[in-house]
Protein backbone atom coordinates (compact mmCIF):
# COMPACT_ATOMS: atom_id res chain seq x y z
CA MET A 1 -63.24 20.00 42.72
CA ILE A 2 -66.63 18.87 41.43
CA TYR A 3 -66.57 20.85 38.18
CA TRP A 4 -62.88 20.15 37.58
CA ALA A 5 -63.81 16.46 37.39
CA ASN A 6 -66.21 17.19 34.54
CA ALA A 7 -65.84 20.77 33.30
CA VAL A 8 -68.50 20.68 30.59
CA PHE A 9 -70.14 24.09 31.01
CA SER A 10 -69.43 26.95 28.64
CA VAL A 11 -71.05 29.95 26.98
CA LYS A 12 -71.55 29.40 23.25
CA ILE A 13 -73.07 31.43 20.43
CA PHE A 14 -73.80 29.62 17.15
CA GLY A 15 -71.49 26.82 18.21
CA TYR A 16 -68.58 29.18 18.96
CA GLU A 17 -67.35 28.96 22.54
CA LEU A 18 -66.98 32.39 24.14
CA PHE A 19 -65.99 31.22 27.61
CA HIS A 20 -65.46 27.87 29.29
CA PHE A 21 -66.41 27.35 32.96
CA PHE A 22 -63.76 27.07 34.07
CA PRO A 23 -60.58 27.13 31.94
CA ALA A 24 -57.83 24.66 32.85
CA TRP A 25 -55.46 27.44 33.98
CA PHE A 26 -58.01 28.44 36.64
CA TYR A 27 -57.77 25.06 38.40
CA GLU A 28 -54.04 24.78 37.86
CA TYR A 29 -53.38 28.27 39.26
CA LEU A 30 -55.40 27.51 42.41
CA GLY A 31 -53.82 24.07 42.70
CA ILE A 32 -57.20 22.30 42.75
CA PRO A 33 -56.61 18.54 42.59
CA PHE A 34 -58.72 15.87 40.87
CA ARG A 35 -60.48 14.66 44.04
CA LEU A 36 -64.16 14.42 43.15
CA ALA A 37 -65.17 12.33 46.20
CA GLU A 38 -63.62 14.86 48.59
CA GLY A 39 -65.28 17.73 46.75
CA LEU A 40 -68.67 16.05 47.00
CA GLN A 41 -68.24 15.38 50.72
CA LEU A 42 -67.43 19.05 51.37
CA HIS A 43 -70.33 20.10 49.16
CA PHE A 44 -72.85 17.95 51.04
CA PHE A 45 -71.53 19.09 54.44
CA PHE A 46 -71.98 22.77 53.63
CA MET A 47 -75.25 22.01 51.86
CA TRP A 48 -76.83 21.05 55.19
CA LEU A 49 -75.65 24.31 56.76
CA PHE A 50 -77.02 26.17 53.74
CA LEU A 51 -80.41 24.41 54.04
CA ILE A 52 -80.71 25.01 57.80
CA ASN A 53 -79.77 28.66 57.36
CA ASP A 54 -82.35 29.10 54.58
CA ILE A 55 -85.15 27.53 56.60
CA ALA A 56 -84.26 29.57 59.71
CA TYR A 57 -84.19 32.82 57.75
CA VAL A 58 -87.52 32.20 55.99
CA LEU A 59 -89.14 31.30 59.33
CA TYR A 60 -87.72 34.47 60.86
CA LEU A 61 -89.15 36.60 58.03
CA ALA A 62 -92.55 34.96 58.39
CA ILE A 63 -92.78 35.09 62.20
CA SER A 64 -91.26 38.53 62.78
CA GLY A 65 -93.18 40.22 59.99
CA GLU A 66 -89.94 41.35 58.35
CA TRP A 67 -91.24 39.93 55.07
CA ARG A 68 -93.24 43.16 54.68
CA ALA A 69 -89.99 45.11 54.36
CA THR A 70 -88.35 42.52 52.12
CA LEU A 71 -90.90 41.45 49.52
CA PRO A 72 -91.29 43.69 46.46
CA PHE A 73 -94.74 45.10 45.71
CA PRO A 74 -96.46 46.56 42.62
CA GLY A 75 -94.29 49.32 41.26
CA SER A 76 -91.06 47.99 42.79
CA PHE A 77 -89.61 46.94 39.44
CA LYS A 78 -90.23 50.36 37.93
CA ARG A 79 -88.71 52.17 40.91
CA ALA A 80 -85.80 49.72 41.03
CA ILE A 81 -84.71 51.00 37.61
CA VAL A 82 -84.65 54.56 38.99
CA VAL A 83 -82.66 53.37 42.04
CA THR A 84 -80.13 51.69 39.73
CA LEU A 85 -79.83 54.83 37.60
CA HIS A 86 -79.35 56.87 40.78
CA ASP A 87 -76.57 54.53 41.96
CA MET A 88 -74.91 55.00 38.56
CA HIS A 89 -75.15 58.79 39.07
CA ILE A 90 -77.38 59.17 35.99
CA VAL A 91 -80.51 60.26 37.89
CA LYS A 92 -80.25 62.66 40.83
CA LYS A 93 -83.64 62.16 42.47
CA LEU A 94 -84.06 58.97 44.50
CA PRO A 95 -87.51 57.35 44.91
CA PRO A 96 -89.01 57.22 48.43
CA GLN A 97 -86.97 54.91 50.65
CA GLY A 98 -88.09 52.48 53.32
CA LYS A 99 -85.97 50.04 55.29
CA TYR A 100 -84.92 48.63 51.91
CA ASN A 101 -85.21 50.35 48.57
CA ASP A 102 -87.01 48.64 45.69
CA ALA A 103 -83.83 47.29 44.11
CA GLN A 104 -82.86 45.72 47.45
CA ARG A 105 -86.33 44.21 47.88
CA ILE A 106 -86.06 42.51 44.49
CA ALA A 107 -82.48 41.37 45.09
CA TYR A 108 -83.12 39.96 48.57
CA THR A 109 -86.30 38.17 47.52
CA GLY A 110 -84.47 36.86 44.46
CA VAL A 111 -81.70 35.42 46.64
CA ILE A 112 -84.27 33.57 48.77
CA LEU A 113 -85.79 32.06 45.62
CA MET A 114 -82.30 31.22 44.34
CA GLY A 115 -81.63 29.40 47.61
CA ALA A 116 -84.79 27.33 47.16
CA GLY A 117 -83.82 26.68 43.55
CA SER A 118 -80.35 25.50 44.56
CA ILE A 119 -81.82 23.05 47.07
CA LEU A 120 -84.37 21.65 44.61
CA THR A 121 -81.91 21.32 41.72
CA GLY A 122 -79.36 19.84 44.11
CA LEU A 123 -81.82 17.17 45.22
CA ALA A 124 -82.68 16.45 41.59
CA ILE A 125 -79.06 15.69 40.67
CA TYR A 126 -78.11 14.12 44.02
CA LYS A 127 -80.93 11.55 43.99
CA PRO A 128 -82.29 11.55 40.41
CA THR A 129 -83.99 8.18 40.88
CA GLN A 130 -85.60 8.81 44.26
CA THR A 131 -86.68 12.31 43.19
CA ALA A 132 -87.48 11.40 39.61
CA PHE A 133 -90.60 13.58 39.58
CA LEU A 134 -88.52 16.61 40.54
CA THR A 135 -85.78 15.80 38.04
CA ASN A 136 -88.38 15.41 35.27
CA ILE A 137 -90.04 18.72 36.15
CA LEU A 138 -86.65 20.43 35.82
CA GLY A 139 -86.18 18.92 32.35
CA GLY A 140 -84.06 15.91 33.23
CA TYR A 141 -80.73 15.34 34.93
CA GLU A 142 -78.61 17.45 32.55
CA TRP A 143 -80.94 20.44 32.72
CA ALA A 144 -81.14 20.19 36.52
CA ARG A 145 -77.33 20.14 36.70
CA TRP A 146 -77.16 23.10 34.31
CA ASP A 147 -79.65 25.07 36.44
CA HIS A 148 -77.75 24.18 39.62
CA PHE A 149 -74.52 25.46 38.08
CA TRP A 150 -75.97 28.77 36.90
CA LEU A 151 -77.59 29.39 40.28
CA MET A 152 -74.12 29.06 41.77
CA ILE A 153 -72.79 31.62 39.27
CA ALA A 154 -75.70 33.94 40.18
CA PHE A 155 -74.84 33.65 43.89
CA VAL A 156 -71.23 34.59 43.18
CA GLY A 157 -72.43 37.54 41.08
CA PHE A 158 -74.76 38.73 43.86
CA PHE A 159 -71.97 38.43 46.41
CA VAL A 160 -69.50 40.43 44.31
CA VAL A 161 -72.02 43.22 43.56
CA ARG A 162 -73.09 43.39 47.22
CA VAL A 163 -69.52 43.66 48.51
CA VAL A 164 -68.76 46.42 45.98
CA GLN A 165 -71.89 48.33 47.05
CA VAL A 166 -70.96 48.03 50.72
CA ALA A 167 -67.40 49.17 49.98
CA ILE A 168 -68.75 52.23 48.17
CA ALA A 169 -71.11 52.99 51.07
CA GLY A 170 -68.16 53.02 53.47
CA TRP A 171 -66.66 51.08 56.36
CA SER A 172 -69.34 52.20 58.84
CA ASN A 173 -72.04 50.59 56.70
CA PHE A 174 -70.10 47.33 56.47
CA ARG A 175 -69.50 47.30 60.23
CA SER A 176 -73.21 47.85 60.89
CA MET A 177 -74.08 44.81 58.76
CA ILE A 178 -71.82 42.62 60.92
CA THR A 179 -72.51 44.06 64.38
CA GLY A 180 -76.14 45.16 63.96
CA TYR A 181 -75.55 48.77 64.95
CA GLU A 182 -73.92 51.84 63.44
CA ALA A 183 -71.59 54.25 65.22
CA VAL A 184 -72.68 57.85 64.62
CA THR A 185 -70.39 60.81 65.32
CA ILE A 186 -72.17 63.64 67.17
CA GLU A 187 -70.83 67.15 66.81
CA ASN A 188 -69.30 68.62 69.97
CA LYS A 189 -71.49 71.36 71.40
CA ILE A 190 -70.95 73.75 74.29
CA PRO A 191 -73.06 72.63 77.29
CA VAL A 192 -76.09 74.79 78.03
CA SER A 193 -74.83 75.42 81.58
CA SER A 194 -71.60 76.91 80.19
CA LEU A 195 -73.58 79.21 77.90
CA ASN A 196 -75.74 80.39 80.78
CA GLU A 197 -72.74 81.00 83.00
CA THR A 198 -71.07 82.93 80.20
CA GLU A 199 -74.11 85.12 79.75
CA GLY A 200 -74.29 85.68 83.52
CA GLU A 201 -77.67 83.97 83.88
CA ALA A 202 -78.65 81.81 86.81
CA VAL A 203 -78.27 78.12 86.16
């Protein structure tokens, strides 16, 4: 609803528009009305949930020590390339794995930074006068709005890639992300007592 009211963003090369965010048919197909005020109200409501969730998660990482498994370290970027090539079935050998591989460390840390960026750019365009120093640091109102928009696109991209990866990994992996545990099938084995009885040994 917000961007439909002023859909000014597009990808251009040498003045030629390659893609417009978002084309008119996109809004018309979804039946999105021209209700900017309602869109802003919904945006601000979910923004508070987003902010609280971000703060809670960062505090959890800091207090629990989980940040050690999440933050990338020297060499992560190099190994992340190998992980990506392995996922694309180009390289067979996978680098040493921890709780998260290097590509995941970079992605998860990047999402945390994107969350902080969304909050800061949002404040800059929500209250450009009261937060003038922040708006100026970001290059002015238009640049702050541009950054805020592209962070949203990046979040959507991360979400799509993550869902595809989980789908490839299988339903059990997806279920474990929601419930916190994974169901493992154990092969049926003949009890030791039965083996001993069969062999005529004392149990």
